[in-house]
Amino acid sequence: MRRRKAMFTVGRKKKGQALPMRRRPFQHMVLRRLRELKKIVPDAQDADVDMLLRRTADYICVLELKVTVLRRLSAIYGV
């Protein structure tokens, strides 16, 4: 199988690599959403994309667990 080349990178650029003149709208949208995600997920400000997505998945699991606990407490106490 051939490995596909990444469409974009997030973070530091390699030495001697120039910035592209114009980003594609899709890339711009993805980068903007990654920046927003870094603001929402705890301890994700300095994370790369892989770690950001991993921490996001963990954070979703924590939030789901909190909702489950609160629903059960609400059922027990009749709130």
PDB file of N, CA and C in Angstrom:
ATOM      1  N   MET A   1       0.832  -1.189   0.000  1.00  0.00           N
ATOM      2  CA  MET A   1       0.000   0.000   0.000  1.00  0.00           C
ATOM      3  C   MET A   1       0.871   1.246   0.000  1.00  0.00           C
ATOM      4  N   ARG A   2       0.418   2.233  -0.715  1.00  0.00           N
ATOM      5  CA  ARG A   2       1.129   3.501  -0.719  1.00  0.00           C
ATOM      6  C   ARG A   2       0.628   4.371   0.411  1.00  0.00           C
ATOM      7  N   ARG A   3       1.548   5.021   1.033  1.00  0.00           N
ATOM      8  CA  ARG A   3       1.176   5.915   2.124  1.00  0.00           C
ATOM      9  C   ARG A   3       0.847   7.285   1.546  1.00  0.00           C
ATOM     10  N   ARG A   4      -0.300   7.812   1.944  1.00  0.00           N
ATOM     11  CA  ARG A   4      -0.708   9.112   1.442  1.00  0.00           C
ATOM     12  C   ARG A   4       0.037  10.217   2.167  1.00  0.00           C
ATOM     13  N   LYS A   5       0.323  11.255   1.446  1.00  0.00           N
ATOM     14  CA  LYS A   5       1.000  12.399   2.013  1.00  0.00           C
ATOM     15  C   LYS A   5      -0.004  13.240   2.792  1.00  0.00           C
ATOM     16  N   ALA A   6       0.399  13.775   3.927  1.00  0.00           N
ATOM     17  CA  ALA A   6      -0.493  14.595   4.739  1.00  0.00           C
ATOM     18  C   ALA A   6      -0.874  15.862   3.979  1.00  0.00           C
ATOM     19  N   MET A   7      -2.144  16.249   4.121  1.00  0.00           N
ATOM     20  CA  MET A   7      -2.622  17.445   3.438  1.00  0.00           C
ATOM     21  C   MET A   7      -2.125  18.712   4.111  1.00  0.00           C
ATOM     22  N   PHE A   8      -1.926  18.644   5.430  1.00  0.00           N
ATOM     23  CA  PHE A   8      -1.482  19.808   6.168  1.00  0.00           C
ATOM     24  C   PHE A   8      -0.806  19.351   7.444  1.00  0.00           C
ATOM     25  N   THR A   9      -0.088  20.258   8.048  1.00  0.00           N
ATOM     26  CA  THR A   9       0.546  19.952   9.326  1.00  0.00           C
ATOM     27  C   THR A   9       0.137  21.017  10.324  1.00  0.00           C
ATOM     28  N   VAL A  10       0.142  20.634  11.579  1.00  0.00           N
ATOM     29  CA  VAL A  10      -0.176  21.569  12.642  1.00  0.00           C
ATOM     30  C   VAL A  10       1.039  21.621  13.549  1.00  0.00           C
ATOM     31  N   GLY A  11       1.441  22.801  13.895  1.00  0.00           N
ATOM     32  CA  GLY A  11       2.581  22.925  14.795  1.00  0.00           C
ATOM     33  C   GLY A  11       3.760  23.571  14.101  1.00  0.00           C
ATOM     34  N   ARG A  12       4.937  23.130  14.465  1.00  0.00           N
ATOM     35  CA  ARG A  12       6.151  23.735  13.930  1.00  0.00           C
ATOM     36  C   ARG A  12       6.394  23.304  12.491  1.00  0.00           C
ATOM     37  N   LYS A  13       6.922  24.247  11.712  1.00  0.00           N
ATOM     38  CA  LYS A  13       7.283  23.875  10.350  1.00  0.00           C
ATOM     39  C   LYS A  13       8.725  23.389  10.334  1.00  0.00           C
ATOM     40  N   LYS A  14       9.042  22.585   9.350  1.00  0.00           N
ATOM     41  CA  LYS A  14      10.401  22.067   9.239  1.00  0.00           C
ATOM     42  C   LYS A  14      11.334  23.164   8.758  1.00  0.00           C
ATOM     43  N   LYS A  15      12.590  23.004   9.091  1.00  0.00           N
ATOM     44  CA  LYS A  15      13.592  23.997   8.736  1.00  0.00           C
ATOM     45  C   LYS A  15      13.704  24.121   7.217  1.00  0.00           C
ATOM     46  N   GLY A  16      13.679  25.351   6.746  1.00  0.00           N
ATOM     47  CA  GLY A  16      13.823  25.592   5.323  1.00  0.00           C
ATOM     48  C   GLY A  16      12.532  25.436   4.535  1.00  0.00           C
ATOM     49  N   GLN A  17      11.442  25.166   5.212  1.00  0.00           N
ATOM     50  CA  GLN A  17      10.177  24.965   4.517  1.00  0.00           C
ATOM     51  C   GLN A  17       9.399  26.275   4.549  1.00  0.00           C
ATOM     52  N   ALA A  18       8.992  26.743   3.400  1.00  0.00           N
ATOM     53  CA  ALA A  18       8.251  27.992   3.316  1.00  0.00           C
ATOM     54  C   ALA A  18       6.765  27.737   3.547  1.00  0.00           C
ATOM     55  N   LEU A  19       6.088  28.746   4.060  1.00  0.00           N
ATOM     56  CA  LEU A  19       4.645  28.635   4.250  1.00  0.00           C
ATOM     57  C   LEU A  19       3.945  28.687   2.899  1.00  0.00           C
ATOM     58  N   PRO A  20       2.867  27.951   2.731  1.00  0.00           N
ATOM     59  CA  PRO A  20       2.144  28.017   1.465  1.00  0.00           C
ATOM     60  C   PRO A  20       1.539  29.407   1.283  1.00  0.00           C
ATOM     61  N   MET A  21       1.415  29.821   0.047  1.00  0.00           N
ATOM     62  CA  MET A  21       0.895  31.148  -0.250  1.00  0.00           C
ATOM     63  C   MET A  21      -0.555  31.284   0.195  1.00  0.00           C
ATOM     64  N   ARG A  22      -1.342  30.259  -0.058  1.00  0.00           N
ATOM     65  CA  ARG A  22      -2.759  30.330   0.286  1.00  0.00           C
ATOM     66  C   ARG A  22      -3.227  28.955   0.732  1.00  0.00           C
ATOM     67  N   ARG A  23      -3.855  28.898   1.868  1.00  0.00           N
ATOM     68  CA  ARG A  23      -4.377  27.619   2.358  1.00  0.00           C
ATOM     69  C   ARG A  23      -5.707  27.340   1.681  1.00  0.00           C
ATOM     70  N   ARG A  24      -5.971  26.076   1.511  1.00  0.00           N
ATOM     71  CA  ARG A  24      -7.263  25.688   0.966  1.00  0.00           C
ATOM     72  C   ARG A  24      -8.330  25.923   2.022  1.00  0.00           C
ATOM     73  N   PRO A  25      -9.559  26.197   1.598  1.00  0.00           N
ATOM     74  CA  PRO A  25     -10.631  26.441   2.579  1.00  0.00           C
ATOM     75  C   PRO A  25     -10.819  25.276   3.550  1.00  0.00           C
ATOM     76  N   PHE A  26     -10.699  24.048   3.073  1.00  0.00           N
ATOM     77  CA  PHE A  26     -10.864  22.888   3.950  1.00  0.00           C
ATOM     78  C   PHE A  26      -9.789  22.867   5.026  1.00  0.00           C
ATOM     79  N   GLN A  27      -8.548  23.123   4.647  1.00  0.00           N
ATOM     80  CA  GLN A  27      -7.450  23.131   5.610  1.00  0.00           C
ATOM     81  C   GLN A  27      -7.643  24.241   6.639  1.00  0.00           C
ATOM     82  N   HIS A  28      -8.084  25.388   6.159  1.00  0.00           N
ATOM     83  CA  HIS A  28      -8.320  26.515   7.059  1.00  0.00           C
ATOM     84  C   HIS A  28      -9.409  26.155   8.074  1.00  0.00           C
ATOM     85  N   MET A  29     -10.470  25.503   7.605  1.00  0.00           N
ATOM     86  CA  MET A  29     -11.560  25.104   8.482  1.00  0.00           C
ATOM     87  C   MET A  29     -11.074  24.100   9.538  1.00  0.00           C
ATOM     88  N   VAL A  30     -10.278  23.125   9.110  1.00  0.00           N
ATOM     89  CA  VAL A  30      -9.769  22.109  10.035  1.00  0.00           C
ATOM     90  C   VAL A  30      -8.867  22.745  11.083  1.00  0.00           C
ATOM     91  N   LEU A  31      -7.977  23.605  10.674  1.00  0.00           N
ATOM     92  CA  LEU A  31      -7.082  24.267  11.624  1.00  0.00           C
ATOM     93  C   LEU A  31      -7.857  25.128  12.612  1.00  0.00           C
ATOM     94  N   ARG A  32      -8.888  25.814  12.132  1.00  0.00           N
ATOM     95  CA  ARG A  32      -9.708  26.641  13.011  1.00  0.00           C
ATOM     96  C   ARG A  32     -10.422  25.774  14.048  1.00  0.00           C
ATOM     97  N   ARG A  33     -10.946  24.638  13.603  1.00  0.00           N
ATOM     98  CA  ARG A  33     -11.648  23.745  14.528  1.00  0.00           C
ATOM     99  C   ARG A  33     -10.691  23.104  15.532  1.00  0.00           C
ATOM    100  N   LEU A  34      -9.470  22.818  15.107  1.00  0.00           N
ATOM    101  CA  LEU A  34      -8.482  22.284  16.051  1.00  0.00           C
ATOM    102  C   LEU A  34      -8.139  23.319  17.115  1.00  0.00           C
ATOM    103  N   ARG A  35      -8.029  24.575  16.717  1.00  0.00           N
ATOM    104  CA  ARG A  35      -7.761  25.641  17.699  1.00  0.00           C
ATOM    105  C   ARG A  35      -8.900  25.752  18.705  1.00  0.00           C
ATOM    106  N   GLU A  36     -10.139  25.672  18.217  1.00  0.00           N
ATOM    107  CA  GLU A  36     -11.300  25.729  19.107  1.00  0.00           C
ATOM    108  C   GLU A  36     -11.308  24.531  20.057  1.00  0.00           C
ATOM    109  N   LEU A  37     -10.975  23.363  19.540  1.00  0.00           N
ATOM    110  CA  LEU A  37     -10.948  22.155  20.359  1.00  0.00           C
ATOM    111  C   LEU A  37      -9.906  22.279  21.470  1.00  0.00           C
ATOM    112  N   LYS A  38      -8.764  22.891  21.159  1.00  0.00           N
ATOM    113  CA  LYS A  38      -7.720  23.091  22.168  1.00  0.00           C
ATOM    114  C   LYS A  38      -8.203  23.991  23.292  1.00  0.00           C
ATOM    115  N   LYS A  39      -9.129  24.907  22.999  1.00  0.00           N
ATOM    116  CA  LYS A  39      -9.673  25.782  24.027  1.00  0.00           C
ATOM    117  C   LYS A  39     -10.644  25.037  24.936  1.00  0.00           C
ATOM    118  N   ILE A  40     -11.342  24.042  24.411  1.00  0.00           N
ATOM    119  CA  ILE A  40     -12.392  23.342  25.153  1.00  0.00           C
ATOM    120  C   ILE A  40     -11.830  22.220  26.017  1.00  0.00           C
ATOM    121  N   VAL A  41     -10.922  21.428  25.461  1.00  0.00           N
ATOM    122  CA  VAL A  41     -10.415  20.236  26.147  1.00  0.00           C
ATOM    123  C   VAL A  41      -9.339  20.636  27.156  1.00  0.00           C
ATOM    124  N   PRO A  42      -9.459  20.174  28.411  1.00  0.00           N
ATOM    125  CA  PRO A  42      -8.455  20.519  29.421  1.00  0.00           C
ATOM    126  C   PRO A  42      -7.071  19.934  29.090  1.00  0.00           C
ATOM    127  N   ASP A  43      -6.029  20.642  29.420  1.00  0.00           N
ATOM    128  CA  ASP A  43      -4.624  20.227  29.226  1.00  0.00           C
ATOM    129  C   ASP A  43      -4.295  19.894  27.778  1.00  0.00           C
ATOM    130  N   ALA A  44      -4.875  20.627  26.843  1.00  0.00           N
ATOM    131  CA  ALA A  44      -4.629  20.327  25.431  1.00  0.00           C
ATOM    132  C   ALA A  44      -3.997  21.501  24.689  1.00  0.00           C
ATOM    133  N   GLN A  45      -3.619  22.555  25.379  1.00  0.00           N
ATOM    134  CA  GLN A  45      -3.093  23.733  24.696  1.00  0.00           C
ATOM    135  C   GLN A  45      -1.787  23.462  23.965  1.00  0.00           C
ATOM    136  N   ASP A  46      -0.916  22.631  24.532  1.00  0.00           N
ATOM    137  CA  ASP A  46       0.385  22.376  23.918  1.00  0.00           C
ATOM    138  C   ASP A  46       0.463  21.023  23.220  1.00  0.00           C
ATOM    139  N   ALA A  47      -0.672  20.351  23.040  1.00  0.00           N
ATOM    140  CA  ALA A  47      -0.678  19.006  22.465  1.00  0.00           C
ATOM    141  C   ALA A  47      -0.660  19.060  20.941  1.00  0.00           C
ATOM    142  N   ASP A  48      -0.025  18.050  20.337  1.00  0.00           N
ATOM    143  CA  ASP A  48      -0.084  17.932  18.883  1.00  0.00           C
ATOM    144  C   ASP A  48      -1.437  17.305  18.515  1.00  0.00           C
ATOM    145  N   VAL A  49      -1.682  17.111  17.235  1.00  0.00           N
ATOM    146  CA  VAL A  49      -2.993  16.656  16.769  1.00  0.00           C
ATOM    147  C   VAL A  49      -3.349  15.284  17.335  1.00  0.00           C
ATOM    148  N   ASP A  50      -2.410  14.348  17.308  1.00  0.00           N
ATOM    149  CA  ASP A  50      -2.699  13.008  17.824  1.00  0.00           C
ATOM    150  C   ASP A  50      -3.072  13.045  19.299  1.00  0.00           C
ATOM    151  N   MET A  51      -2.283  13.762  20.087  1.00  0.00           N
ATOM    152  CA  MET A  51      -2.554  13.850  21.522  1.00  0.00           C
ATOM    153  C   MET A  51      -3.845  14.620  21.775  1.00  0.00           C
ATOM    154  N   LEU A  52      -4.106  15.641  20.981  1.00  0.00           N
ATOM    155  CA  LEU A  52      -5.340  16.406  21.127  1.00  0.00           C
ATOM    156  C   LEU A  52      -6.560  15.516  20.918  1.00  0.00           C
ATOM    157  N   LEU A  53      -6.532  14.696  19.888  1.00  0.00           N
ATOM    158  CA  LEU A  53      -7.658  13.808  19.617  1.00  0.00           C
ATOM    159  C   LEU A  53      -7.797  12.744  20.701  1.00  0.00           C
ATOM    160  N   ARG A  54      -6.673  12.242  21.202  1.00  0.00           N
ATOM    161  CA  ARG A  54      -6.718  11.267  22.300  1.00  0.00           C
ATOM    162  C   ARG A  54      -7.312  11.878  23.561  1.00  0.00           C
ATOM    163  N   ARG A  55      -6.866  13.082  23.896  1.00  0.00           N
ATOM    164  CA  ARG A  55      -7.383  13.754  25.089  1.00  0.00           C
ATOM    165  C   ARG A  55      -8.861  14.128  24.916  1.00  0.00           C
ATOM    166  N   THR A  56      -9.243  14.462  23.691  1.00  0.00           N
ATOM    167  CA  THR A  56     -10.645  14.762  23.422  1.00  0.00           C
ATOM    168  C   THR A  56     -11.508  13.528  23.654  1.00  0.00           C
ATOM    169  N   ALA A  57     -11.052  12.380  23.177  1.00  0.00           N
ATOM    170  CA  ALA A  57     -11.803  11.129  23.385  1.00  0.00           C
ATOM    171  C   ALA A  57     -11.905  10.817  24.868  1.00  0.00           C
ATOM    172  N   ASP A  58     -10.823  10.997  25.607  1.00  0.00           N
ATOM    173  CA  ASP A  58     -10.848  10.761  27.056  1.00  0.00           C
ATOM    174  C   ASP A  58     -11.814  11.719  27.750  1.00  0.00           C
ATOM    175  N   TYR A  59     -11.798  12.965  27.318  1.00  0.00           N
ATOM    176  CA  TYR A  59     -12.668  13.976  27.916  1.00  0.00           C
ATOM    177  C   TYR A  59     -14.140  13.651  27.645  1.00  0.00           C
ATOM    178  N   ILE A  60     -14.440  13.165  26.464  1.00  0.00           N
ATOM    179  CA  ILE A  60     -15.810  12.758  26.137  1.00  0.00           C
ATOM    180  C   ILE A  60     -16.248  11.626  27.054  1.00  0.00           C
ATOM    181  N   CYS A  61     -15.373  10.660  27.295  1.00  0.00           N
ATOM    182  CA  CYS A  61     -15.697   9.543  28.199  1.00  0.00           C
ATOM    183  C   CYS A  61     -15.958  10.043  29.615  1.00  0.00           C
ATOM    184  N   VAL A  62     -15.158  10.986  30.084  1.00  0.00           N
ATOM    185  CA  VAL A  62     -15.348  11.546  31.422  1.00  0.00           C
ATOM    186  C   VAL A  62     -16.693  12.262  31.505  1.00  0.00           C
ATOM    187  N   LEU A  63     -17.018  13.045  30.481  1.00  0.00           N
ATOM    188  CA  LEU A  63     -18.290  13.761  30.486  1.00  0.00           C
ATOM    189  C   LEU A  63     -19.479  12.796  30.458  1.00  0.00           C
ATOM    190  N   GLU A  64     -19.368  11.726  29.666  1.00  0.00           N
ATOM    191  CA  GLU A  64     -20.442  10.731  29.621  1.00  0.00           C
ATOM    192  C   GLU A  64     -20.621  10.059  30.982  1.00  0.00           C
ATOM    193  N   LEU A  65     -19.524   9.775  31.656  1.00  0.00           N
ATOM    194  CA  LEU A  65     -19.592   9.171  32.983  1.00  0.00           C
ATOM    195  C   LEU A  65     -20.270  10.113  33.979  1.00  0.00           C
ATOM    196  N   LYS A  66     -19.932  11.394  33.911  1.00  0.00           N
ATOM    197  CA  LYS A  66     -20.553  12.381  34.794  1.00  0.00           C
ATOM    198  C   LYS A  66     -22.055  12.457  34.570  1.00  0.00           C
ATOM    199  N   VAL A  67     -22.469  12.435  33.304  1.00  0.00           N
ATOM    200  CA  VAL A  67     -23.899  12.477  32.989  1.00  0.00           C
ATOM    201  C   VAL A  67     -24.595  11.241  33.545  1.00  0.00           C
ATOM    202  N   THR A  68     -23.985  10.080  33.402  1.00  0.00           N
ATOM    203  CA  THR A  68     -24.567   8.843  33.927  1.00  0.00           C
ATOM    204  C   THR A  68     -24.728   8.907  35.442  1.00  0.00           C
ATOM    205  N   VAL A  69     -23.708   9.368  36.141  1.00  0.00           N
ATOM    206  CA  VAL A  69     -23.765   9.475  37.598  1.00  0.00           C
ATOM    207  C   VAL A  69     -24.860  10.453  38.006  1.00  0.00           C
ATOM    208  N   LEU A  70     -24.927  11.606  37.353  1.00  0.00           N
ATOM    209  CA  LEU A  70     -25.940  12.597  37.705  1.00  0.00           C
ATOM    210  C   LEU A  70     -27.353  12.079  37.436  1.00  0.00           C
ATOM    211  N   ARG A  71     -27.545  11.323  36.346  1.00  0.00           N
ATOM    212  CA  ARG A  71     -28.861  10.748  36.063  1.00  0.00           C
ATOM    213  C   ARG A  71     -29.263   9.746  37.149  1.00  0.00           C
ATOM    214  N   ARG A  72     -28.318   8.930  37.568  1.00  0.00           N
ATOM    215  CA  ARG A  72     -28.631   7.942  38.610  1.00  0.00           C
ATOM    216  C   ARG A  72     -28.929   8.616  39.951  1.00  0.00           C
ATOM    217  N   LEU A  73     -28.154   9.647  40.277  1.00  0.00           N
ATOM    218  CA  LEU A  73     -28.437  10.387  41.510  1.00  0.00           C
ATOM    219  C   LEU A  73     -29.810  11.054  41.439  1.00  0.00           C
ATOM    220  N   SER A  74     -30.121  11.568  40.282  1.00  0.00           N
ATOM    221  CA  SER A  74     -31.418  12.195  40.100  1.00  0.00           C
ATOM    222  C   SER A  74     -32.546  11.178  40.238  1.00  0.00           C
ATOM    223  N   ALA A  75     -32.357   9.947  39.743  1.00  0.00           N
ATOM    224  CA  ALA A  75     -33.374   8.900  39.871  1.00  0.00           C
ATOM    225  C   ALA A  75     -33.521   8.467  41.319  1.00  0.00           C
ATOM    226  N   ILE A  76     -32.413   8.400  42.055  1.00  0.00           N
ATOM    227  CA  ILE A  76     -32.455   7.973  43.451  1.00  0.00           C
ATOM    228  C   ILE A  76     -33.191   9.008  44.304  1.00  0.00           C
ATOM    229  N   TYR A  77     -32.855  10.279  44.127  1.00  0.00           N
ATOM    230  CA  TYR A  77     -33.410  11.329  44.971  1.00  0.00           C
ATOM    231  C   TYR A  77     -34.665  11.956  44.388  1.00  0.00           C
ATOM    232  N   GLY A  78     -35.102  11.493  43.220  1.00  0.00           N
ATOM    233  CA  GLY A  78     -36.356  11.962  42.629  1.00  0.00           C
ATOM    234  C   GLY A  78     -36.357  13.426  42.243  1.00  0.00           C
ATOM    235  N   VAL A  79     -35.263  13.882  41.759  1.00  0.00           N
ATOM    236  CA  VAL A  79     -35.162  15.292  41.344  1.00  0.00           C
ATOM    237  C   VAL A  79     -35.534  15.412  39.896  1.00  0.00           C
TER     238      VAL A  79
END
